[in-house]
Amino acid sequence: ITAALFETVRSGVGQVIDASMVEGAALLGHALFNVRGVTETNP
């Protein structure tokens, strides 16, 4: 919402925000996916 408010100040046009809790939880866990991605080279 705060990001969209900043954009609306510039354009004058609003938008629809589609927030998914599953996708949000995954984003919060980005570091876990990062570690998983380098497991093969992790000592």
PDB file of all heavy atoms in Angstrom:
ATOM      1  N   ILE A   1       0.831  -1.203   0.000  1.00  0.00           N
ATOM      2  CA  ILE A   1       0.000   0.000   0.000  1.00  0.00           C
ATOM      3  C   ILE A   1       0.865   1.252   0.000  1.00  0.00           C
ATOM      4  O   ILE A   1       0.610   2.203  -0.750  1.00  0.00           O
ATOM      5  CB  ILE A   1      -0.956  -0.019   1.202  1.00  0.00           C
ATOM      6  CG1 ILE A   1      -2.050  -1.072   0.982  1.00  0.00           C
ATOM      7  CG2 ILE A   1      -1.583   1.356   1.435  1.00  0.00           C
ATOM      8  CD1 ILE A   1      -2.905  -1.335   2.206  1.00  0.00           C
ATOM      9  N   THR A   2       1.886   1.282   0.845  1.00  0.00           N
ATOM     10  CA  THR A   2       2.738   2.478   0.898  1.00  0.00           C
ATOM     11  C   THR A   2       3.489   2.667  -0.423  1.00  0.00           C
ATOM     12  O   THR A   2       3.671   3.802  -0.880  1.00  0.00           O
ATOM     13  CB  THR A   2       3.726   2.398   2.072  1.00  0.00           C
ATOM     14  OG1 THR A   2       4.463   1.166   2.007  1.00  0.00           O
ATOM     15  CG2 THR A   2       2.994   2.447   3.396  1.00  0.00           C
ATOM     16  N   ALA A   3       3.902   1.567  -1.046  1.00  0.00           N
ATOM     17  CA  ALA A   3       4.557   1.682  -2.352  1.00  0.00           C
ATOM     18  C   ALA A   3       3.569   2.211  -3.391  1.00  0.00           C
ATOM     19  O   ALA A   3       3.910   3.072  -4.215  1.00  0.00           O
ATOM     20  CB  ALA A   3       5.113   0.327  -2.783  1.00  0.00           C
ATOM     21  N   ALA A   4       2.331   1.704  -3.360  1.00  0.00           N
ATOM     22  CA  ALA A   4       1.317   2.149  -4.314  1.00  0.00           C
ATOM     23  C   ALA A   4       0.941   3.608  -4.090  1.00  0.00           C
ATOM     24  O   ALA A   4       0.679   4.345  -5.048  1.00  0.00           O
ATOM     25  CB  ALA A   4       0.081   1.263  -4.213  1.00  0.00           C
ATOM     26  N   LEU A   5       0.919   4.044  -2.839  1.00  0.00           N
ATOM     27  CA  LEU A   5       0.635   5.448  -2.553  1.00  0.00           C
ATOM     28  C   LEU A   5       1.677   6.354  -3.196  1.00  0.00           C
ATOM     29  O   LEU A   5       1.360   7.418  -3.739  1.00  0.00           O
ATOM     30  CB  LEU A   5       0.594   5.685  -1.043  1.00  0.00           C
ATOM     31  CG  LEU A   5      -0.667   5.232  -0.298  1.00  0.00           C
ATOM     32  CD1 LEU A   5      -0.444   5.286   1.214  1.00  0.00           C
ATOM     33  CD2 LEU A   5      -1.857   6.111  -0.683  1.00  0.00           C
ATOM     34  N   PHE A   6       2.915   5.949  -3.148  1.00  0.00           N
ATOM     35  CA  PHE A   6       3.989   6.736  -3.758  1.00  0.00           C
ATOM     36  C   PHE A   6       3.781   6.838  -5.267  1.00  0.00           C
ATOM     37  O   PHE A   6       3.929   7.909  -5.863  1.00  0.00           O
ATOM     38  CB  PHE A   6       5.341   6.084  -3.439  1.00  0.00           C
ATOM     39  CG  PHE A   6       6.515   6.853  -3.946  1.00  0.00           C
ATOM     40  CD1 PHE A   6       6.926   8.013  -3.303  1.00  0.00           C
ATOM     41  CD2 PHE A   6       7.210   6.435  -5.067  1.00  0.00           C
ATOM     42  CE1 PHE A   6       8.024   8.735  -3.766  1.00  0.00           C
ATOM     43  CE2 PHE A   6       8.298   7.148  -5.542  1.00  0.00           C
ATOM     44  CZ  PHE A   6       8.703   8.305  -4.888  1.00  0.00           C
ATOM     45  N   GLU A   7       3.403   5.721  -5.884  1.00  0.00           N
ATOM     46  CA  GLU A   7       3.153   5.724  -7.319  1.00  0.00           C
ATOM     47  C   GLU A   7       1.944   6.592  -7.664  1.00  0.00           C
ATOM     48  O   GLU A   7       1.957   7.325  -8.662  1.00  0.00           O
ATOM     49  CB  GLU A   7       2.937   4.293  -7.811  1.00  0.00           C
ATOM     50  CG  GLU A   7       2.226   4.161  -9.147  1.00  0.00           C
ATOM     51  CD  GLU A   7       2.942   4.865 -10.290  1.00  0.00           C
ATOM     52  OE1 GLU A   7       4.161   5.132 -10.183  1.00  0.00           O
ATOM     53  OE2 GLU A   7       2.274   5.168 -11.296  1.00  0.00           O
ATOM     54  N   THR A   8       0.905   6.548  -6.846  1.00  0.00           N
ATOM     55  CA  THR A   8      -0.300   7.328  -7.120  1.00  0.00           C
ATOM     56  C   THR A   8      -0.010   8.821  -7.051  1.00  0.00           C
ATOM     57  O   THR A   8      -0.598   9.618  -7.793  1.00  0.00           O
ATOM     58  CB  THR A   8      -1.416   6.956  -6.132  1.00  0.00           C
ATOM     59  OG1 THR A   8      -1.703   5.556  -6.271  1.00  0.00           O
ATOM     60  CG2 THR A   8      -2.692   7.735  -6.400  1.00  0.00           C
ATOM     61  N   VAL A   9       0.898   9.225  -6.166  1.00  0.00           N
ATOM     62  CA  VAL A   9       1.289  10.636  -6.095  1.00  0.00           C
ATOM     63  C   VAL A   9       1.867  11.080  -7.441  1.00  0.00           C
ATOM     64  O   VAL A   9       1.634  12.201  -7.910  1.00  0.00           O
ATOM     65  CB  VAL A   9       2.312  10.858  -4.965  1.00  0.00           C
ATOM     66  CG1 VAL A   9       2.946  12.237  -5.071  1.00  0.00           C
ATOM     67  CG2 VAL A   9       1.638  10.693  -3.611  1.00  0.00           C
ATOM     68  N   ARG A  10       2.603  10.199  -8.091  1.00  0.00           N
ATOM     69  CA  ARG A  10       3.236  10.555  -9.367  1.00  0.00           C
ATOM     70  C   ARG A  10       2.261  10.495 -10.533  1.00  0.00           C
ATOM     71  O   ARG A  10       2.280  11.354 -11.408  1.00  0.00           O
ATOM     72  CB  ARG A  10       4.410   9.616  -9.652  1.00  0.00           C
ATOM     73  CG  ARG A  10       5.562   9.771  -8.672  1.00  0.00           C
ATOM     74  CD  ARG A  10       6.772   8.976  -9.101  1.00  0.00           C
ATOM     75  NE  ARG A  10       6.517   7.541  -9.122  1.00  0.00           N
ATOM     76  CZ  ARG A  10       7.475   6.613  -9.276  1.00  0.00           C
ATOM     77  NH1 ARG A  10       8.731   6.997  -9.425  1.00  0.00           N
ATOM     78  NH2 ARG A  10       7.170   5.337  -9.277  1.00  0.00           N
ATOM     79  N   SER A  11       1.393   9.459 -10.543  1.00  0.00           N
ATOM     80  CA  SER A  11       0.548   9.232 -11.720  1.00  0.00           C
ATOM     81  C   SER A  11      -0.893   9.689 -11.545  1.00  0.00           C
ATOM     82  O   SER A  11      -1.586   9.926 -12.534  1.00  0.00           O
ATOM     83  CB  SER A  11       0.551   7.735 -12.063  1.00  0.00           C
ATOM     84  OG  SER A  11      -0.126   6.995 -11.044  1.00  0.00           O
ATOM     85  N   GLY A  12      -1.335   9.785 -10.295  1.00  0.00           N
ATOM     86  CA  GLY A  12      -2.727  10.125 -10.051  1.00  0.00           C
ATOM     87  C   GLY A  12      -3.673   8.956 -10.237  1.00  0.00           C
ATOM     88  O   GLY A  12      -4.898   9.102 -10.101  1.00  0.00           O
ATOM     89  N   VAL A  13      -3.144   7.804 -10.543  1.00  0.00           N
ATOM     90  CA  VAL A  13      -3.965   6.621 -10.821  1.00  0.00           C
ATOM     91  C   VAL A  13      -3.701   5.559  -9.763  1.00  0.00           C
ATOM     92  O   VAL A  13      -2.548   5.275  -9.423  1.00  0.00           O
ATOM     93  CB  VAL A  13      -3.644   6.054 -12.226  1.00  0.00           C
ATOM     94  CG1 VAL A  13      -4.468   4.798 -12.493  1.00  0.00           C
ATOM     95  CG2 VAL A  13      -3.896   7.106 -13.286  1.00  0.00           C
ATOM     96  N   GLY A  14      -4.774   4.974  -9.243  1.00  0.00           N
ATOM     97  CA  GLY A  14      -4.640   3.903  -8.262  1.00  0.00           C
ATOM     98  C   GLY A  14      -4.427   2.562  -8.938  1.00  0.00           C
ATOM     99  O   GLY A  14      -4.300   2.465 -10.167  1.00  0.00           O
ATOM    100  N   GLN A  15      -4.393   1.510  -8.146  1.00  0.00           N
ATOM    101  CA  GLN A  15      -4.229   0.170  -8.692  1.00  0.00           C
ATOM    102  C   GLN A  15      -4.746  -0.857  -7.709  1.00  0.00           C
ATOM    103  O   GLN A  15      -5.056  -0.541  -6.562  1.00  0.00           O
ATOM    104  CB  GLN A  15      -2.770  -0.092  -9.032  1.00  0.00           C
ATOM    105  CG  GLN A  15      -1.793   0.108  -7.890  1.00  0.00           C
ATOM    106  CD  GLN A  15      -0.353   0.014  -8.374  1.00  0.00           C
ATOM    107  OE1 GLN A  15       0.060  -0.979  -8.973  1.00  0.00           O
ATOM    108  NE2 GLN A  15       0.425   1.066  -8.121  1.00  0.00           N
ATOM    109  N   VAL A  16      -4.847  -2.098  -8.168  1.00  0.00           N
ATOM    110  CA  VAL A  16      -5.315  -3.197  -7.329  1.00  0.00           C
ATOM    111  C   VAL A  16      -4.102  -3.974  -6.829  1.00  0.00           C
ATOM    112  O   VAL A  16      -3.202  -4.305  -7.603  1.00  0.00           O
ATOM    113  CB  VAL A  16      -6.257  -4.134  -8.113  1.00  0.00           C
ATOM    114  CG1 VAL A  16      -6.719  -5.295  -7.223  1.00  0.00           C
ATOM    115  CG2 VAL A  16      -7.457  -3.369  -8.643  1.00  0.00           C
ATOM    116  N   ILE A  17      -4.081  -4.252  -5.543  1.00  0.00           N
ATOM    117  CA  ILE A  17      -3.002  -5.029  -4.934  1.00  0.00           C
ATOM    118  C   ILE A  17      -3.531  -6.412  -4.597  1.00  0.00           C
ATOM    119  O   ILE A  17      -4.548  -6.547  -3.904  1.00  0.00           O
ATOM    120  CB  ILE A  17      -2.464  -4.346  -3.664  1.00  0.00           C
ATOM    121  CG1 ILE A  17      -1.906  -2.962  -3.989  1.00  0.00           C
ATOM    122  CG2 ILE A  17      -1.401  -5.217  -2.998  1.00  0.00           C
ATOM    123  CD1 ILE A  17      -1.483  -2.171  -2.768  1.00  0.00           C
ATOM    124  N   ASP A  18      -2.881  -7.439  -5.081  1.00  0.00           N
ATOM    125  CA  ASP A  18      -3.249  -8.833  -4.834  1.00  0.00           C
ATOM    126  C   ASP A  18      -2.174  -9.451  -3.945  1.00  0.00           C
ATOM    127  O   ASP A  18      -1.106  -9.841  -4.425  1.00  0.00           O
ATOM    128  CB  ASP A  18      -3.363  -9.570  -6.174  1.00  0.00           C
ATOM    129  CG  ASP A  18      -3.616 -11.071  -6.023  1.00  0.00           C
ATOM    130  OD1 ASP A  18      -3.801 -11.536  -4.884  1.00  0.00           O
ATOM    131  OD2 ASP A  18      -3.625 -11.763  -7.064  1.00  0.00           O
ATOM    132  N   ALA A  19      -2.436  -9.527  -2.634  1.00  0.00           N
ATOM    133  CA  ALA A  19      -1.466 -10.068  -1.678  1.00  0.00           C
ATOM    134  C   ALA A  19      -1.874 -11.484  -1.284  1.00  0.00           C
ATOM    135  O   ALA A  19      -2.989 -11.707  -0.809  1.00  0.00           O
ATOM    136  CB  ALA A  19      -1.379  -9.174  -0.443  1.00  0.00           C
ATOM    137  N   SER A  20      -0.970 -12.424  -1.483  1.00  0.00           N
ATOM    138  CA  SER A  20      -1.186 -13.824  -1.113  1.00  0.00           C
ATOM    139  C   SER A  20      -0.332 -14.156   0.098  1.00  0.00           C
ATOM    140  O   SER A  20       0.878 -13.896   0.105  1.00  0.00           O
ATOM    141  CB  SER A  20      -0.797 -14.740  -2.281  1.00  0.00           C
ATOM    142  OG  SER A  20      -0.490 -16.049  -1.832  1.00  0.00           O
ATOM    143  N   MET A  21      -0.952 -14.739   1.118  1.00  0.00           N
ATOM    144  CA  MET A  21      -0.191 -15.090   2.322  1.00  0.00           C
ATOM    145  C   MET A  21       0.838 -16.181   2.038  1.00  0.00           C
ATOM    146  O   MET A  21       1.917 -16.189   2.637  1.00  0.00           O
ATOM    147  CB  MET A  21      -1.144 -15.521   3.432  1.00  0.00           C
ATOM    148  CG  MET A  21      -1.933 -14.382   4.041  1.00  0.00           C
ATOM    149  SD  MET A  21      -3.029 -14.935   5.366  1.00  0.00           S
ATOM    150  CE  MET A  21      -4.609 -14.865   4.513  1.00  0.00           C
ATOM    151  N   VAL A  22       0.508 -17.091   1.134  1.00  0.00           N
ATOM    152  CA  VAL A  22       1.475 -18.135   0.777  1.00  0.00           C
ATOM    153  C   VAL A  22       2.707 -17.512   0.122  1.00  0.00           C
ATOM    154  O   VAL A  22       3.849 -17.806   0.496  1.00  0.00           O
ATOM    155  CB  VAL A  22       0.833 -19.164  -0.179  1.00  0.00           C
ATOM    156  CG1 VAL A  22       1.883 -20.135  -0.706  1.00  0.00           C
ATOM    157  CG2 VAL A  22      -0.258 -19.935   0.541  1.00  0.00           C
ATOM    158  N   GLU A  23       2.474 -16.624  -0.831  1.00  0.00           N
ATOM    159  CA  GLU A  23       3.593 -15.980  -1.521  1.00  0.00           C
ATOM    160  C   GLU A  23       4.365 -15.055  -0.585  1.00  0.00           C
ATOM    161  O   GLU A  23       5.593 -14.955  -0.661  1.00  0.00           O
ATOM    162  CB  GLU A  23       3.063 -15.208  -2.726  1.00  0.00           C
ATOM    163  CG  GLU A  23       2.486 -16.121  -3.799  1.00  0.00           C
ATOM    164  CD  GLU A  23       1.642 -15.388  -4.830  1.00  0.00           C
ATOM    165  OE1 GLU A  23       1.456 -14.157  -4.683  1.00  0.00           O
ATOM    166  OE2 GLU A  23       1.176 -16.049  -5.769  1.00  0.00           O
ATOM    167  N   GLY A  24       3.638 -14.384   0.315  1.00  0.00           N
ATOM    168  CA  GLY A  24       4.304 -13.513   1.275  1.00  0.00           C
ATOM    169  C   GLY A  24       5.179 -14.286   2.238  1.00  0.00           C
ATOM    170  O   GLY A  24       6.300 -13.876   2.557  1.00  0.00           O
ATOM    171  N   ALA A  25       4.667 -15.433   2.706  1.00  0.00           N
ATOM    172  CA  ALA A  25       5.461 -16.266   3.609  1.00  0.00           C
ATOM    173  C   ALA A  25       6.714 -16.771   2.916  1.00  0.00           C
ATOM    174  O   ALA A  25       7.804 -16.814   3.504  1.00  0.00           O
ATOM    175  CB  ALA A  25       4.626 -17.440   4.116  1.00  0.00           C
ATOM    176  N   ALA A  26       6.573 -17.151   1.648  1.00  0.00           N
ATOM    177  CA  ALA A  26       7.742 -17.605   0.886  1.00  0.00           C
ATOM    178  C   ALA A  26       8.775 -16.483   0.751  1.00  0.00           C
ATOM    179  O   ALA A  26       9.975 -16.710   0.881  1.00  0.00           O
ATOM    180  CB  ALA A  26       7.315 -18.099  -0.490  1.00  0.00           C
ATOM    181  N   LEU A  27       8.287 -15.263   0.510  1.00  0.00           N
ATOM    182  CA  LEU A  27       9.204 -14.132   0.384  1.00  0.00           C
ATOM    183  C   LEU A  27       9.934 -13.866   1.691  1.00  0.00           C
ATOM    184  O   LEU A  27      11.138 -13.573   1.693  1.00  0.00           O
ATOM    185  CB  LEU A  27       8.429 -12.890  -0.055  1.00  0.00           C
ATOM    186  CG  LEU A  27       9.261 -11.628  -0.286  1.00  0.00           C
ATOM    187  CD1 LEU A  27      10.275 -11.847  -1.406  1.00  0.00           C
ATOM    188  CD2 LEU A  27       8.372 -10.445  -0.612  1.00  0.00           C
ATOM    189  N   LEU A  28       9.230 -13.971   2.815  1.00  0.00           N
ATOM    190  CA  LEU A  28       9.888 -13.810   4.117  1.00  0.00           C
ATOM    191  C   LEU A  28      10.993 -14.849   4.305  1.00  0.00           C
ATOM    192  O   LEU A  28      11.965 -14.611   5.018  1.00  0.00           O
ATOM    193  CB  LEU A  28       8.867 -13.929   5.246  1.00  0.00           C
ATOM    194  CG  LEU A  28       7.806 -12.824   5.348  1.00  0.00           C
ATOM    195  CD1 LEU A  28       6.837 -13.138   6.477  1.00  0.00           C
ATOM    196  CD2 LEU A  28       8.453 -11.461   5.580  1.00  0.00           C
ATOM    197  N   GLY A  29      10.816 -15.988   3.671  1.00  0.00           N
ATOM    198  CA  GLY A  29      11.807 -17.063   3.800  1.00  0.00           C
ATOM    199  C   GLY A  29      12.816 -17.110   2.679  1.00  0.00           C
ATOM    200  O   GLY A  29      13.411 -18.166   2.418  1.00  0.00           O
ATOM    201  N   HIS A  30      13.059 -15.971   2.043  1.00  0.00           N
ATOM    202  CA  HIS A  30      13.984 -15.969   0.907  1.00  0.00           C
ATOM    203  C   HIS A  30      15.355 -16.517   1.276  1.00  0.00           C
ATOM    204  O   HIS A  30      16.016 -17.173   0.458  1.00  0.00           O
ATOM    205  CB  HIS A  30      14.130 -14.544   0.354  1.00  0.00           C
ATOM    206  CG  HIS A  30      14.863 -13.624   1.273  1.00  0.00           C
ATOM    207  ND1 HIS A  30      14.261 -13.010   2.352  1.00  0.00           N
ATOM    208  CD2 HIS A  30      16.168 -13.237   1.305  1.00  0.00           C
ATOM    209  CE1 HIS A  30      15.163 -12.285   2.991  1.00  0.00           C
ATOM    210  NE2 HIS A  30      16.317 -12.392   2.386  1.00  0.00           N
ATOM    211  N   ALA A  31      15.784 -16.239   2.516  1.00  0.00           N
ATOM    212  CA  ALA A  31      17.122 -16.711   2.920  1.00  0.00           C
ATOM    213  C   ALA A  31      17.184 -18.231   2.956  1.00  0.00           C
ATOM    214  O   ALA A  31      18.228 -18.836   2.660  1.00  0.00           O
ATOM    215  CB  ALA A  31      17.493 -16.141   4.287  1.00  0.00           C
ATOM    216  N   LEU A  32      16.080 -18.878   3.315  1.00  0.00           N
ATOM    217  CA  LEU A  32      16.056 -20.339   3.353  1.00  0.00           C
ATOM    218  C   LEU A  32      16.188 -20.911   1.950  1.00  0.00           C
ATOM    219  O   LEU A  32      16.891 -21.901   1.732  1.00  0.00           O
ATOM    220  CB  LEU A  32      14.757 -20.821   4.000  1.00  0.00           C
ATOM    221  CG  LEU A  32      14.422 -20.229   5.376  1.00  0.00           C
ATOM    222  CD1 LEU A  32      13.135 -20.810   5.906  1.00  0.00           C
ATOM    223  CD2 LEU A  32      15.567 -20.482   6.364  1.00  0.00           C
ATOM    224  N   PHE A  33      15.486 -20.288   0.983  1.00  0.00           N
ATOM    225  CA  PHE A  33      15.609 -20.740  -0.400  1.00  0.00           C
ATOM    226  C   PHE A  33      17.028 -20.492  -0.918  1.00  0.00           C
ATOM    227  O   PHE A  33      17.557 -21.282  -1.707  1.00  0.00           O
ATOM    228  CB  PHE A  33      14.589 -20.011  -1.280  1.00  0.00           C
ATOM    229  CG  PHE A  33      13.184 -20.503  -1.091  1.00  0.00           C
ATOM    230  CD1 PHE A  33      12.300 -19.835  -0.255  1.00  0.00           C
ATOM    231  CD2 PHE A  33      12.742 -21.644  -1.742  1.00  0.00           C
ATOM    232  CE1 PHE A  33      11.004 -20.293  -0.076  1.00  0.00           C
ATOM    233  CE2 PHE A  33      11.439 -22.119  -1.563  1.00  0.00           C
ATOM    234  CZ  PHE A  33      10.568 -21.440  -0.728  1.00  0.00           C
ATOM    235  N   ASN A  34      17.629 -19.413  -0.466  1.00  0.00           N
ATOM    236  CA  ASN A  34      19.005 -19.102  -0.853  1.00  0.00           C
ATOM    237  C   ASN A  34      19.944 -20.219  -0.380  1.00  0.00           C
ATOM    238  O   ASN A  34      20.773 -20.734  -1.149  1.00  0.00           O
ATOM    239  CB  ASN A  34      19.408 -17.765  -0.253  1.00  0.00           C
ATOM    240  CG  ASN A  34      20.721 -17.223  -0.776  1.00  0.00           C
ATOM    241  OD1 ASN A  34      21.001 -16.039  -0.648  1.00  0.00           O
ATOM    242  ND2 ASN A  34      21.561 -18.058  -1.351  1.00  0.00           N
ATOM    243  N   VAL A  35      19.818 -20.582   0.882  1.00  0.00           N
ATOM    244  CA  VAL A  35      20.676 -21.636   1.436  1.00  0.00           C
ATOM    245  C   VAL A  35      20.426 -22.957   0.712  1.00  0.00           C
ATOM    246  O   VAL A  35      21.360 -23.690   0.384  1.00  0.00           O
ATOM    247  CB  VAL A  35      20.427 -21.783   2.946  1.00  0.00           C
ATOM    248  CG1 VAL A  35      21.109 -23.028   3.482  1.00  0.00           C
ATOM    249  CG2 VAL A  35      20.942 -20.559   3.681  1.00  0.00           C
ATOM    250  N   ARG A  36      19.136 -23.237   0.456  1.00  0.00           N
ATOM    251  CA  ARG A  36      18.818 -24.484  -0.243  1.00  0.00           C
ATOM    252  C   ARG A  36      19.464 -24.508  -1.622  1.00  0.00           C
ATOM    253  O   ARG A  36      19.933 -25.547  -2.096  1.00  0.00           O
ATOM    254  CB  ARG A  36      17.303 -24.619  -0.376  1.00  0.00           C
ATOM    255  CG  ARG A  36      16.831 -25.864  -1.111  1.00  0.00           C
ATOM    256  CD  ARG A  36      17.201 -27.127  -0.372  1.00  0.00           C
ATOM    257  NE  ARG A  36      16.531 -27.184   0.917  1.00  0.00           N
ATOM    258  CZ  ARG A  36      16.912 -27.941   1.934  1.00  0.00           C
ATOM    259  NH1 ARG A  36      17.988 -28.701   1.799  1.00  0.00           N
ATOM    260  NH2 ARG A  36      16.268 -27.939   3.074  1.00  0.00           N
ATOM    261  N   GLY A  37      19.536 -23.363  -2.255  1.00  0.00           N
ATOM    262  CA  GLY A  37      20.086 -23.296  -3.606  1.00  0.00           C
ATOM    263  C   GLY A  37      21.575 -23.528  -3.691  1.00  0.00           C
ATOM    264  O   GLY A  37      22.092 -23.857  -4.763  1.00  0.00           O
ATOM    265  N   VAL A  38      22.288 -23.350  -2.586  1.00  0.00           N
ATOM    266  CA  VAL A  38      23.742 -23.545  -2.612  1.00  0.00           C
ATOM    267  C   VAL A  38      24.161 -24.739  -1.759  1.00  0.00           C
ATOM    268  O   VAL A  38      25.330 -24.884  -1.436  1.00  0.00           O
ATOM    269  CB  VAL A  38      24.474 -22.273  -2.114  1.00  0.00           C
ATOM    270  CG1 VAL A  38      24.177 -21.103  -3.030  1.00  0.00           C
ATOM    271  CG2 VAL A  38      24.092 -21.928  -0.675  1.00  0.00           C
ATOM    272  N   THR A  39      23.226 -25.621  -1.434  1.00  0.00           N
ATOM    273  CA  THR A  39      23.531 -26.757  -0.547  1.00  0.00           C
ATOM    274  C   THR A  39      24.671 -27.616  -1.082  1.00  0.00           C
ATOM    275  O   THR A  39      25.528 -28.077  -0.328  1.00  0.00           O
ATOM    276  CB  THR A  39      22.278 -27.637  -0.356  1.00  0.00           C
ATOM    277  OG1 THR A  39      21.274 -26.873   0.297  1.00  0.00           O
ATOM    278  CG2 THR A  39      22.596 -28.859   0.490  1.00  0.00           C
ATOM    279  N   GLU A  40      24.696 -27.817  -2.384  1.00  0.00           N
ATOM    280  CA  GLU A  40      25.698 -28.721  -2.948  1.00  0.00           C
ATOM    281  C   GLU A  40      27.120 -28.204  -2.757  1.00  0.00           C
ATOM    282  O   GLU A  40      28.070 -28.984  -2.722  1.00  0.00           O
ATOM    283  CB  GLU A  40      25.410 -28.941  -4.429  1.00  0.00           C
ATOM    284  CG  GLU A  40      24.125 -29.723  -4.674  1.00  0.00           C
ATOM    285  CD  GLU A  40      23.905 -30.000  -6.138  1.00  0.00           C
ATOM    286  OE1 GLU A  40      24.769 -29.596  -6.941  1.00  0.00           O
ATOM    287  OE2 GLU A  40      22.886 -30.624  -6.476  1.00  0.00           O
ATOM    288  N   THR A  41      27.262 -26.886  -2.667  1.00  0.00           N
ATOM    289  CA  THR A  41      28.613 -26.325  -2.507  1.00  0.00           C
ATOM    290  C   THR A  41      28.863 -25.854  -1.080  1.00  0.00           C
ATOM    291  O   THR A  41      29.913 -25.297  -0.789  1.00  0.00           O
ATOM    292  CB  THR A  41      28.802 -25.135  -3.464  1.00  0.00           C
ATOM    293  OG1 THR A  41      27.809 -24.140  -3.189  1.00  0.00           O
ATOM    294  CG2 THR A  41      28.659 -25.593  -4.918  1.00  0.00           C
ATOM    295  N   ASN A  42      27.892 -26.068  -0.195  1.00  0.00           N
ATOM    296  CA  ASN A  42      28.020 -25.619   1.191  1.00  0.00           C
ATOM    297  C   ASN A  42      28.890 -26.616   1.952  1.00  0.00           C
ATOM    298  O   ASN A  42      28.593 -27.820   1.963  1.00  0.00           O
ATOM    299  CB  ASN A  42      26.635 -25.517   1.837  1.00  0.00           C
ATOM    300  CG  ASN A  42      26.659 -24.745   3.140  1.00  0.00           C
ATOM    301  OD1 ASN A  42      27.649 -24.765   3.856  1.00  0.00           O
ATOM    302  ND2 ASN A  42      25.565 -24.083   3.455  1.00  0.00           N
ATOM    303  N   PRO A  43      29.961 -26.158   2.598  1.00  0.00           N
ATOM    304  CA  PRO A  43      30.843 -27.097   3.313  1.00  0.00           C
ATOM    305  C   PRO A  43      30.169 -27.745   4.521  1.00  0.00           C
ATOM    306  O   PRO A  43      30.609 -28.774   4.988  1.00  0.00           O
ATOM    307  CB  PRO A  43      32.024 -26.220   3.737  1.00  0.00           C
ATOM    308  CG  PRO A  43      31.473 -24.834   3.778  1.00  0.00           C
ATOM    309  CD  PRO A  43      30.456 -24.773   2.685  1.00  0.00           C
TER     310      PRO A  43
END
